[in-house]
Protein backbone atom coordinates (compact mmCIF):
# COMPACT_ATOMS: atom_id res chain seq x y z
CA MET A 1 -5.72 5.81 23.70
CA SER A 2 -7.88 8.89 24.07
CA ASP A 3 -4.85 11.19 24.38
CA VAL A 4 -3.12 9.80 21.28
CA ALA A 5 -3.43 11.51 17.90
CA PHE A 6 -3.50 9.28 14.83
CA ALA A 7 -2.84 10.19 11.20
CA VAL A 8 -4.35 7.46 9.01
CA VAL A 9 -2.70 7.61 5.61
CA ASP A 10 -3.20 6.22 2.15
CA VAL A 11 -1.42 7.14 -1.08
CA GLU A 12 -2.16 6.24 -4.67
CA THR A 13 0.91 6.09 -6.87
CA THR A 14 2.07 5.94 -10.49
CA GLY A 15 3.57 2.48 -9.93
CA LEU A 16 4.95 0.17 -7.29
CA SER A 17 8.47 1.42 -6.59
CA SER A 18 9.53 4.80 -5.27
CA ALA A 19 13.12 3.60 -5.56
CA PHE A 20 12.66 3.37 -9.34
CA GLY A 21 11.07 6.78 -9.73
CA ASP A 22 7.37 6.17 -9.19
CA ARG A 23 5.56 9.07 -7.53
CA VAL A 24 2.55 9.84 -5.37
CA CYS A 25 -0.51 10.84 -7.43
CA GLU A 26 -3.05 11.08 -4.59
CA VAL A 27 -2.74 11.38 -0.82
CA ALA A 28 -5.28 11.29 2.00
CA ILE A 29 -4.78 11.75 5.74
CA VAL A 30 -7.53 11.23 8.30
CA ARG A 31 -6.64 12.69 11.71
CA VAL A 32 -8.32 11.17 14.76
CA GLN A 33 -7.92 11.91 18.47
CA GLY A 34 -10.19 10.63 21.24
CA GLU A 35 -13.83 11.61 20.89
CA GLU A 36 -13.09 14.57 18.63
CA GLN A 37 -14.64 14.58 15.18
CA PRO A 38 -12.12 13.14 12.68
CA THR A 39 -10.76 15.60 10.13
CA SER A 40 -9.43 14.77 6.71
CA PHE A 41 -7.10 16.15 4.07
CA THR A 42 -6.98 14.76 0.56
CA SER A 43 -5.52 15.91 -2.73
CA LEU A 44 -4.69 14.62 -6.15
CA VAL A 45 -1.00 15.22 -6.95
CA ASN A 46 0.54 15.93 -10.32
CA PRO A 47 3.40 13.38 -10.32
CA GLY A 48 5.29 14.79 -13.29
CA ARG A 49 5.37 11.36 -14.93
CA PRO A 50 2.80 9.01 -16.53
CA LEU A 51 0.82 6.49 -14.54
CA SER A 52 1.67 2.88 -15.26
CA PRO A 53 -1.11 0.84 -16.94
CA GLY A 54 -1.44 -1.26 -13.80
CA ALA A 55 -1.81 1.71 -11.46
CA ALA A 56 -4.31 3.47 -13.71
CA ALA A 57 -6.43 0.33 -13.98
CA VAL A 58 -6.50 -0.10 -10.20
CA ASN A 59 -7.17 3.45 -8.99
CA GLY A 60 -9.06 4.85 -11.98
CA ILE A 61 -7.10 8.12 -11.90
CA THR A 62 -6.62 9.62 -15.36
CA PRO A 63 -3.99 11.98 -16.79
CA GLU A 64 -6.72 14.59 -17.22
CA MET A 65 -7.47 14.46 -13.49
CA LEU A 66 -3.81 15.07 -12.67
CA ALA A 67 -3.01 17.73 -15.26
CA THR A 68 -4.21 20.63 -13.09
CA ALA A 69 -3.48 19.04 -9.72
CA PRO A 70 -0.84 20.56 -7.40
CA THR A 71 2.62 19.04 -7.29
CA PHE A 72 3.79 17.39 -4.09
CA SER A 73 5.97 20.41 -3.31
CA ASP A 74 2.80 22.53 -3.39
CA ILE A 75 1.12 20.44 -0.66
CA ALA A 76 4.17 19.22 1.30
CA ALA A 77 3.77 21.80 4.08
CA GLU A 78 0.15 20.78 4.64
CA VAL A 79 0.99 17.07 4.55
CA SER A 80 3.72 17.70 7.13
CA ARG A 81 1.30 19.63 9.34
CA GLN A 82 -1.24 16.83 9.15
CA LEU A 83 1.36 14.20 10.14
CA GLU A 84 3.09 16.17 12.89
CA ASP A 85 2.75 14.82 16.46
CA CYS A 86 0.66 11.87 15.25
CA LEU A 87 1.09 8.12 15.05
CA PHE A 88 1.19 7.09 11.40
CA VAL A 89 -1.42 4.38 10.61
CA ALA A 90 -1.65 2.59 7.26
CA HIS A 91 -2.42 -0.78 5.71
CA ASN A 92 0.88 -2.05 4.31
CA ALA A 93 2.64 0.88 5.94
CA PRO A 94 6.06 0.35 4.31
CA PHE A 95 4.45 1.18 0.96
CA ASP A 96 2.74 4.45 1.99
CA LEU A 97 5.54 5.52 4.31
CA GLY A 98 8.20 4.76 1.72
CA PHE A 99 6.51 6.81 -0.98
CA LEU A 100 5.99 9.80 1.34
CA ALA A 101 9.57 9.56 2.58
CA ALA A 102 10.80 9.61 -1.02
CA GLU A 103 8.70 12.69 -1.80
CA PHE A 104 10.00 14.54 1.25
CA GLN A 105 13.56 13.47 0.45
CA ARG A 106 13.28 15.06 -3.00
CA LEU A 107 12.43 18.32 -1.23
CA GLY A 108 15.24 17.97 1.29
CA THR A 109 12.72 17.87 4.13
CA PRO A 110 12.49 15.24 6.89
CA LEU A 111 9.33 13.17 7.12
CA PRO A 112 7.71 14.03 10.50
CA VAL A 113 6.95 10.41 11.46
CA THR A 114 8.60 8.52 14.31
CA HIS A 115 6.32 5.53 14.94
CA VAL A 116 3.96 3.54 12.76
CA ILE A 117 1.00 1.20 13.17
CA ASP A 118 0.58 -1.19 10.26
CA THR A 119 -2.84 -2.87 10.12
CA LEU A 120 -1.52 -5.38 7.58
CA ALA A 121 1.16 -6.45 10.08
CA LEU A 122 -1.50 -6.71 12.82
CA ALA A 123 -3.68 -8.86 10.56
CA ARG A 124 -0.80 -11.23 9.84
CA ARG A 125 0.38 -11.36 13.44
CA TYR A 126 -2.88 -11.78 15.35
CA TYR A 127 -5.47 -13.11 12.93
CA ALA A 128 -5.98 -15.88 10.39
CA PHE A 129 -7.95 -14.09 7.69
CA ALA A 130 -8.26 -15.90 4.35
CA ARG A 131 -6.55 -12.89 2.75
CA ASN A 132 -4.86 -9.86 4.28
CA ASN A 133 -5.40 -7.14 1.71
CA LEU A 134 -7.50 -4.22 2.96
CA GLY A 135 -10.68 -5.28 1.20
CA ALA A 136 -10.54 -8.83 2.53
CA VAL A 137 -9.75 -7.70 6.10
CA ALA A 138 -12.57 -5.14 6.03
CA GLU A 139 -14.99 -7.79 4.78
CA ALA A 140 -13.92 -10.23 7.50
CA LEU A 141 -14.51 -7.55 10.14
CA HIS A 142 -17.89 -6.59 8.59
CA ILE A 143 -16.73 -3.09 7.66
CA PRO A 144 -18.37 -1.55 4.56
CA TYR A 145 -15.90 -0.70 1.81
CA LEU A 146 -17.60 0.85 -1.20
CA GLN A 147 -15.06 2.77 -3.32
CA ARG A 148 -11.75 0.96 -3.33
CA HIS A 149 -8.31 2.23 -4.31
CA ARG A 150 -8.99 5.92 -3.87
CA ALA A 151 -6.94 7.46 -1.11
CA LEU A 152 -9.59 8.99 1.17
CA GLN A 153 -11.89 5.97 1.15
CA ASP A 154 -8.98 3.63 1.79
CA ALA A 155 -7.77 5.77 4.72
CA GLU A 156 -11.25 5.88 6.26
CA VAL A 157 -11.62 2.10 6.00
CA THR A 158 -8.12 1.61 7.42
CA TRP A 159 -9.13 3.64 10.48
CA ARG A 160 -12.22 1.47 11.01
CA VAL A 161 -10.10 -1.65 10.64
CA PHE A 162 -7.59 -0.41 13.20
CA SER A 163 -10.33 0.69 15.62
CA THR A 164 -11.95 -2.75 15.44
CA MET A 165 -8.67 -4.62 15.74
CA SER A 166 -7.28 -2.55 18.62
CA ARG A 167 -10.46 -2.88 20.64
CA ASP A 168 -10.49 -6.65 20.11
CA LEU A 169 -6.79 -7.13 20.81
CA ILE A 170 -6.74 -5.02 23.97
CA GLU A 171 -10.01 -6.29 25.43
CA THR A 172 -9.86 -9.98 24.56
CA ARG A 173 -6.24 -10.85 23.76
CA ARG A 174 -4.43 -8.79 26.40
CA ALA A 175 -2.35 -6.92 23.86
CA THR A 176 -0.98 -3.55 24.87
CA PHE A 177 -0.85 -0.40 22.81
CA ALA A 178 2.94 -0.69 22.68
CA ASP A 179 2.52 -4.01 20.84
CA PHE A 180 1.10 -2.14 17.86
CA LEU A 181 4.00 0.28 17.37
CA THR A 182 6.96 0.00 15.02
CA PRO A 183 9.70 2.64 14.65
CA ALA A 184 9.34 4.33 11.29
CA ALA A 185 13.04 3.86 10.57
CA ALA A 186 12.58 0.08 10.70
CA LEU A 187 10.09 0.23 7.83
CA LEU A 188 12.08 2.51 5.55
CA GLN A 189 14.00 -0.11 3.61
CA PRO A 190 17.27 0.61 1.82
CA VAL A 191 17.08 1.11 -1.95
CA GLY A 192 17.00 -2.31 -3.61
CA ASP A 193 15.09 -4.04 -0.81
CA GLU A 194 11.74 -3.92 -2.54
CA VAL A 195 9.84 -6.91 -1.14
CA ALA A 196 8.63 -5.11 1.99
CA SER A 197 6.83 -2.47 -0.04
CA LEU A 198 5.18 -4.75 -2.60
CA PRO A 199 1.40 -5.14 -2.81
CA PRO A 200 0.27 -7.38 0.07
CA LEU A 201 -0.98 -10.23 -2.15
CA LEU A 202 2.29 -10.40 -4.08
CA SER A 203 4.37 -10.19 -0.93
CA GLU A 204 2.27 -12.94 0.65
CA ALA A 205 2.59 -15.14 -2.43
CA LEU A 206 6.38 -14.76 -2.51
CA THR A 207 6.75 -15.36 1.22
CA ASN A 208 4.39 -18.33 1.50
CA HIS A 209 5.00 -19.95 -1.92
CA LEU A 210 1.48 -19.37 -3.25
CA SER A 211 0.19 -19.25 -6.81
CA LEU A 212 -1.37 -16.11 -8.25
CA GLU A 213 -3.84 -15.42 -10.99
CA ILE A 214 -2.79 -12.17 -12.63
CA HIS A 215 -4.33 -9.90 -15.26
CA TYR A 216 -1.41 -8.70 -17.35
CA VAL A 217 -1.42 -5.93 -19.99
CA THR A 218 0.84 -6.98 -22.86
CA GLN A 219 2.85 -4.62 -25.06
CA THR A 220 -0.01 -4.72 -27.57
CA GLN A 221 -2.43 -3.61 -24.81
CA VAL A 222 -4.17 -7.00 -24.64
CA VAL A 223 -5.15 -8.21 -21.18
CA SER A 224 -3.87 -11.75 -20.62
CA ILE A 225 -4.98 -13.81 -17.62
CA ARG A 226 -2.20 -16.04 -16.31
CA ARG A 227 -1.68 -18.38 -13.40
CA VAL A 228 1.86 -17.95 -12.12
CA ASP A 229 4.10 -19.14 -9.30
CA PRO A 230 6.09 -16.07 -8.16
CA LEU A 231 9.81 -16.69 -7.74
CA ALA A 232 11.54 -13.32 -7.33
CA ILE A 233 11.41 -9.58 -7.90
CA VAL A 234 14.00 -8.48 -10.44
CA PRO A 235 14.99 -4.81 -10.90
CA ASN A 236 16.10 -3.75 -14.36
CA ARG A 237 17.07 -0.10 -14.84
CA ASP A 238 14.03 1.87 -13.71
CA THR A 239 11.51 -1.00 -13.77
CA LEU A 240 10.64 -3.90 -11.49
CA TYR A 241 9.80 -7.32 -12.90
CA LEU A 242 8.22 -10.42 -11.42
CA ARG A 243 10.05 -13.61 -12.33
CA ALA A 244 7.56 -16.47 -12.14
CA TYR A 245 6.67 -19.87 -13.50
CA CYS A 246 3.84 -19.35 -16.00
CA HIS A 247 1.38 -22.25 -16.20
CA LEU A 248 0.12 -21.11 -19.61
CA ARG A 249 3.61 -21.16 -21.17
CA ARG A 250 4.88 -23.97 -18.92
CA ASP A 251 8.11 -22.10 -18.43
CA GLU A 252 9.59 -19.22 -16.44
CA ARG A 253 8.61 -15.76 -17.62
CA THR A 254 9.14 -12.19 -16.44
CA PHE A 255 6.27 -9.75 -16.00
CA ARG A 256 6.53 -5.98 -15.57
CA LEU A 257 4.93 -5.17 -12.24
CA ASP A 258 3.46 -1.94 -13.56
CA ARG A 259 1.51 -3.96 -16.17
CA ILE A 260 -0.22 -6.23 -13.66
CA THR A 261 -3.70 -4.75 -13.20
CA GLN A 262 -5.26 -7.39 -10.94
CA MET A 263 -4.11 -10.33 -8.88
CA ARG A 264 -5.57 -12.90 -6.56
CA ILE A 265 -4.12 -15.84 -4.67
CA VAL A 266 -5.20 -19.14 -6.17
CA LYS A 267 -3.77 -21.84 -3.90
CA ALA A 268 -0.57 -23.28 -2.51
CA ARG A 269 1.95 -24.26 -5.15
CA ALA A 270 2.46 -27.89 -5.95
CA ASP A 271 6.15 -27.65 -4.97
CA SER A 272 5.48 -26.08 -1.51
């Protein structure tokens, strides 16, 4: 793989759905090729809209930090240059790729990405980690991960995860480099097909019928901890909701995704 150039990407966003108007608020790209010293590009991005409570709680980015940041149109040419002629690598690639594609679409510019390597997909396909979010995978592979949910640190850890995985898969499991690749077009889902770009834990819970413990910010700004059984993602105007069975209320409830600040998988549901 020494002749292959990689662009390892992470974005932080105002919410979970580019299809419903959420925007990139931070981007990082780490370029790696062979034995050359990796280079990096990172920038906060003024999204032109508020961060959701959930996003702000996760990434720690504040409105004050974004007020003087460049807009995406200001940095689009540099982002394009960083991605050009590289394989796009990300953890939960449909999420990062989808948000960047939406930003480039707003500018009427094609996204210069043809093939993608998704370390989340590799984790699910080849390994049996207890959890598949980036932090859990890094921990399982003994990779230090100090500052989470900021774009540059996440991109750097993603590169270490991919380096470790690819070496293991090629040397011990007879995988080929071609096994890692997915056409970018296959990951860019049509508007309305949101499950592929959800946070990994939520996607995993929906797919495998698992229970979640969520920290949910109510309309009165109180954080409520709930155990829920996710049932479906429901779009309503410009917002996505999680429909789930709530063990506290003993009934089905809907939760705004942009108000969920934390989540963890609890166990398999009783009905699975």
